[in-house]
N, C-alpha and C. Protein backbone atom coordinates (compact mmCIF):
# COMPACT_ATOMS: atom_id res chain seq x y z
N MET A 1 -169.65 -82.48 -19.73
CA MET A 1 -170.08 -81.39 -18.71
C MET A 1 -170.88 -81.89 -17.42
N ASP A 2 -171.59 -83.11 -17.59
CA ASP A 2 -172.15 -83.81 -16.35
C ASP A 2 -171.19 -84.38 -15.38
N VAL A 3 -169.92 -84.76 -16.05
CA VAL A 3 -168.94 -85.42 -15.51
C VAL A 3 -168.37 -84.12 -14.62
N CYS A 4 -168.20 -83.13 -14.88
CA CYS A 4 -167.52 -82.20 -14.45
C CYS A 4 -168.33 -81.62 -12.95
N ALA A 5 -169.68 -81.60 -13.42
CA ALA A 5 -170.42 -81.23 -12.33
C ALA A 5 -170.54 -82.26 -11.21
N CYS A 6 -170.23 -83.62 -11.41
CA CYS A 6 -170.48 -84.54 -10.28
C CYS A 6 -169.03 -84.88 -9.66
N GLN A 7 -168.20 -84.77 -10.65
CA GLN A 7 -166.77 -85.15 -10.32
C GLN A 7 -165.97 -84.22 -9.78
N GLN A 8 -166.12 -82.87 -10.27
CA GLN A 8 -165.33 -81.88 -9.89
C GLN A 8 -164.09 -81.89 -9.96
N PRO A 9 -163.53 -82.30 -11.12
CA PRO A 9 -162.15 -82.20 -11.43
C PRO A 9 -161.20 -81.31 -11.24
N ASP A 10 -159.97 -81.17 -10.99
CA ASP A 10 -159.12 -80.29 -10.75
C ASP A 10 -158.51 -79.54 -12.03
N PHE A 11 -158.45 -80.34 -13.19
CA PHE A 11 -158.18 -79.64 -14.20
C PHE A 11 -158.66 -80.54 -15.49
N ALA A 12 -158.60 -80.00 -16.61
CA ALA A 12 -158.89 -80.54 -17.92
C ALA A 12 -157.89 -80.42 -18.87
N THR A 13 -157.72 -81.47 -19.70
CA THR A 13 -156.82 -81.36 -20.94
C THR A 13 -158.19 -81.19 -22.19
N VAL A 14 -158.11 -80.13 -22.89
CA VAL A 14 -159.05 -80.27 -23.84
C VAL A 14 -158.43 -79.70 -25.29
N ASP A 15 -158.74 -80.49 -26.16
CA ASP A 15 -158.06 -80.22 -27.50
C ASP A 15 -159.03 -79.11 -28.26
N PHE A 16 -158.53 -78.03 -28.64
CA PHE A 16 -159.32 -77.13 -29.71
C PHE A 16 -160.05 -77.62 -30.63
N CYS A 17 -161.38 -77.55 -31.03
CA CYS A 17 -162.09 -77.87 -32.24
C CYS A 17 -162.84 -76.88 -32.64
N PRO A 18 -162.78 -76.31 -34.06
CA PRO A 18 -163.46 -75.20 -34.17
C PRO A 18 -165.06 -75.18 -34.47
N SER A 19 -165.34 -76.59 -34.62
CA SER A 19 -166.90 -76.68 -34.72
C SER A 19 -167.58 -77.37 -33.38
N GLY A 20 -168.77 -77.07 -33.22
CA GLY A 20 -169.46 -77.51 -32.01
C GLY A 20 -169.02 -76.80 -30.99
N LEU A 21 -169.00 -77.67 -29.67
CA LEU A 21 -168.59 -77.13 -28.50
C LEU A 21 -167.13 -77.07 -28.33
N ASN A 22 -166.19 -75.90 -28.48
CA ASN A 22 -164.92 -76.09 -28.57
C ASN A 22 -164.28 -75.53 -27.37
N SER A 23 -163.00 -75.79 -27.23
CA SER A 23 -162.49 -75.48 -25.75
C SER A 23 -162.60 -74.17 -25.18
N LEU A 24 -162.81 -73.12 -26.14
CA LEU A 24 -162.94 -71.81 -25.61
C LEU A 24 -164.54 -71.69 -25.04
N ASP A 25 -165.45 -72.43 -25.72
CA ASP A 25 -166.94 -72.32 -25.13
C ASP A 25 -166.88 -73.38 -23.75
N LEU A 26 -166.27 -74.56 -23.76
CA LEU A 26 -166.29 -75.17 -22.65
C LEU A 26 -165.93 -74.63 -21.23
N GLN A 27 -164.62 -73.78 -21.85
CA GLN A 27 -163.97 -72.85 -20.71
C GLN A 27 -165.04 -71.94 -20.03
N SER A 28 -165.66 -71.20 -20.94
CA SER A 28 -166.56 -70.28 -20.34
C SER A 28 -167.56 -71.01 -19.66
N VAL A 29 -168.16 -71.97 -19.95
CA VAL A 29 -169.06 -72.77 -19.19
C VAL A 29 -168.53 -73.10 -17.98
N LEU A 30 -167.45 -73.85 -18.01
CA LEU A 30 -166.81 -74.38 -16.57
C LEU A 30 -166.77 -73.20 -15.49
N ASN A 31 -166.09 -72.14 -16.24
CA ASN A 31 -165.98 -70.95 -15.39
C ASN A 31 -167.14 -70.45 -14.96
N GLY A 32 -168.42 -70.58 -15.47
CA GLY A 32 -169.60 -70.02 -14.80
C GLY A 32 -170.28 -71.05 -13.91
N SER A 33 -169.68 -72.15 -13.94
CA SER A 33 -170.54 -73.25 -13.10
C SER A 33 -170.39 -73.34 -11.55
N GLY A 34 -169.49 -72.34 -11.14
CA GLY A 34 -169.25 -72.36 -9.90
C GLY A 34 -168.01 -73.08 -9.38
N HIS A 35 -167.40 -73.89 -10.36
CA HIS A 35 -166.11 -74.59 -9.84
C HIS A 35 -165.33 -74.50 -11.33
N PRO A 36 -164.72 -73.40 -11.49
CA PRO A 36 -163.96 -73.42 -12.19
C PRO A 36 -162.68 -74.16 -12.23
N ILE A 37 -162.09 -74.77 -13.23
CA ILE A 37 -160.94 -75.74 -13.32
C ILE A 37 -159.78 -75.11 -13.99
N SER A 38 -158.63 -75.68 -13.76
CA SER A 38 -157.56 -75.22 -14.52
C SER A 38 -157.62 -76.00 -16.06
N ILE A 39 -157.64 -75.11 -17.07
CA ILE A 39 -157.68 -76.13 -18.28
C ILE A 39 -156.39 -75.73 -19.40
N ILE A 40 -156.01 -76.97 -19.73
CA ILE A 40 -154.88 -76.84 -20.43
C ILE A 40 -155.47 -77.20 -21.85
N VAL A 41 -155.21 -76.25 -22.98
CA VAL A 41 -156.03 -76.09 -24.53
C VAL A 41 -154.97 -76.56 -25.14
N LEU A 42 -154.90 -77.73 -26.03
CA LEU A 42 -154.42 -78.14 -26.96
C LEU A 42 -154.65 -77.74 -28.50
N SER A 43 -153.84 -77.03 -29.38
CA SER A 43 -154.29 -76.37 -30.35
C SER A 43 -153.21 -76.49 -31.60
N ALA A 44 -153.73 -76.85 -32.60
CA ALA A 44 -152.85 -76.71 -34.13
C ALA A 44 -153.18 -75.56 -34.77
N TYR A 45 -154.08 -74.52 -33.92
CA TYR A 45 -154.56 -73.46 -34.69
C TYR A 45 -153.56 -72.13 -34.45
N ASP A 46 -153.69 -71.22 -34.91
CA ASP A 46 -152.83 -69.98 -34.93
C ASP A 46 -152.56 -69.28 -33.37
N ASP A 47 -152.03 -68.52 -33.25
CA ASP A 47 -151.96 -67.98 -31.89
C ASP A 47 -152.80 -67.14 -31.35
N LEU A 48 -153.68 -66.75 -32.36
CA LEU A 48 -155.15 -66.08 -31.84
C LEU A 48 -155.81 -66.89 -31.00
N VAL A 49 -155.94 -68.32 -31.54
CA VAL A 49 -156.88 -69.21 -30.63
C VAL A 49 -156.06 -69.18 -29.07
N GLY A 50 -154.75 -69.17 -29.07
CA GLY A 50 -153.96 -69.41 -27.83
C GLY A 50 -154.40 -68.32 -26.86
N ALA A 51 -154.09 -67.12 -27.68
CA ALA A 51 -154.36 -65.66 -26.81
C ALA A 51 -155.58 -65.71 -26.17
N LYS A 52 -156.64 -65.98 -27.22
CA LYS A 52 -158.05 -65.88 -26.57
C LYS A 52 -158.17 -67.00 -25.65
N ALA A 53 -157.79 -68.27 -25.58
CA ALA A 53 -157.86 -69.08 -24.49
C ALA A 53 -157.25 -68.66 -23.33
N LEU A 54 -156.09 -68.03 -23.29
CA LEU A 54 -155.48 -67.36 -22.11
C LEU A 54 -156.21 -66.15 -21.64
N GLU A 55 -156.43 -65.49 -22.65
CA GLU A 55 -157.70 -64.44 -22.03
C GLU A 55 -158.79 -64.88 -21.45
N GLN A 56 -159.32 -65.97 -21.63
CA GLN A 56 -160.39 -66.35 -21.07
C GLN A 56 -160.09 -67.45 -19.71
N GLY A 57 -158.89 -67.39 -19.29
CA GLY A 57 -158.39 -67.76 -18.27
C GLY A 57 -157.88 -69.33 -18.38
N ALA A 58 -157.53 -69.80 -19.46
CA ALA A 58 -156.85 -71.16 -19.83
C ALA A 58 -155.65 -71.14 -18.76
N PHE A 59 -155.46 -72.12 -18.40
CA PHE A 59 -154.03 -72.31 -17.39
C PHE A 59 -152.85 -72.34 -18.44
N ALA A 60 -152.84 -73.12 -19.34
CA ALA A 60 -152.12 -72.97 -20.62
C ALA A 60 -152.39 -73.39 -21.72
N VAL A 61 -151.55 -73.01 -22.86
CA VAL A 61 -152.07 -73.56 -24.18
C VAL A 61 -150.89 -74.34 -24.89
N LEU A 62 -150.96 -75.54 -25.66
CA LEU A 62 -149.90 -76.22 -26.01
C LEU A 62 -150.08 -76.10 -27.46
N ARG A 63 -149.24 -75.97 -28.34
CA ARG A 63 -149.42 -75.56 -29.76
C ARG A 63 -149.05 -76.96 -30.24
N LYS A 64 -149.78 -77.63 -31.27
CA LYS A 64 -149.28 -78.84 -31.80
C LYS A 64 -148.54 -78.91 -32.91
N PRO A 65 -147.42 -79.55 -33.08
CA PRO A 65 -147.15 -80.58 -32.31
C PRO A 65 -146.26 -80.21 -31.05
N PHE A 66 -146.43 -81.23 -29.85
CA PHE A 66 -145.55 -80.70 -28.70
C PHE A 66 -145.12 -81.96 -28.16
N ASP A 67 -143.91 -81.81 -27.30
CA ASP A 67 -143.42 -82.97 -26.50
C ASP A 67 -144.26 -83.35 -25.45
N GLY A 68 -144.42 -84.78 -25.41
CA GLY A 68 -145.28 -85.35 -23.95
C GLY A 68 -144.74 -84.69 -22.82
N GLY A 69 -143.40 -84.61 -22.59
CA GLY A 69 -142.95 -84.07 -21.66
C GLY A 69 -143.51 -82.59 -21.07
N VAL A 70 -143.41 -81.95 -22.10
CA VAL A 70 -144.13 -80.27 -21.91
C VAL A 70 -145.76 -80.53 -21.39
N LEU A 71 -146.53 -81.58 -21.80
CA LEU A 71 -147.83 -81.67 -21.32
C LEU A 71 -147.80 -82.22 -19.96
N LEU A 72 -146.87 -83.06 -19.61
CA LEU A 72 -146.92 -83.59 -18.27
C LEU A 72 -146.70 -82.60 -17.27
N ALA A 73 -145.58 -81.90 -17.72
CA ALA A 73 -145.01 -80.73 -16.83
C ALA A 73 -146.24 -79.77 -16.40
N ALA A 74 -147.17 -79.44 -17.69
CA ALA A 74 -148.27 -78.48 -17.60
C ALA A 74 -149.15 -79.26 -16.50
N ARG A 75 -149.51 -80.36 -16.63
CA ARG A 75 -150.50 -81.13 -16.02
C ARG A 75 -150.11 -81.32 -14.33
N ARG A 76 -148.91 -81.40 -14.17
CA ARG A 76 -148.27 -81.55 -12.87
C ARG A 76 -148.44 -79.88 -12.26
N THR A 77 -148.05 -78.82 -12.93
CA THR A 77 -148.17 -77.68 -12.41
C THR A 77 -149.56 -77.32 -12.13
N ALA A 78 -150.87 -77.62 -13.03
CA ALA A 78 -152.02 -77.43 -12.87
C ALA A 78 -152.78 -78.05 -11.92
N ILE A 79 -152.09 -79.06 -11.27
CA ILE A 79 -152.92 -79.72 -10.09
C ILE A 79 -152.16 -79.31 -8.59
N GLN A 80 -151.09 -78.59 -8.80
CA GLN A 80 -150.53 -78.39 -7.74
C GLN A 80 -151.22 -77.40 -6.93
N PRO A 81 -151.54 -77.36 -5.77
CA PRO A 81 -152.39 -76.39 -4.84
C PRO A 81 -151.52 -74.99 -4.82
N THR A 82 -152.44 -74.08 -4.97
CA THR A 82 -152.11 -72.63 -4.93
C THR A 82 -151.49 -72.41 -3.51
N GLN A 83 -150.02 -71.77 -3.55
CA GLN A 83 -149.37 -71.50 -2.36
C GLN A 83 -149.44 -70.07 -1.95
């Protein structure tokens, strides 16, 4: 969290973890921080997790297992400037 405050990244790739601060919680915190960023959520959980992440503003949700090329394409798209 502190890294996001001082570095202000353009995107984050976050693995969903059901205990502790999960990617959905992190997404809410970052969206409320004044510097929302594109978040790519990685998850092995059901489609409800992905739907919730997208509903909260995730840029993309990748369901495990996934091809590395899919992740790279999502990252490239996430950091492209809005046109």
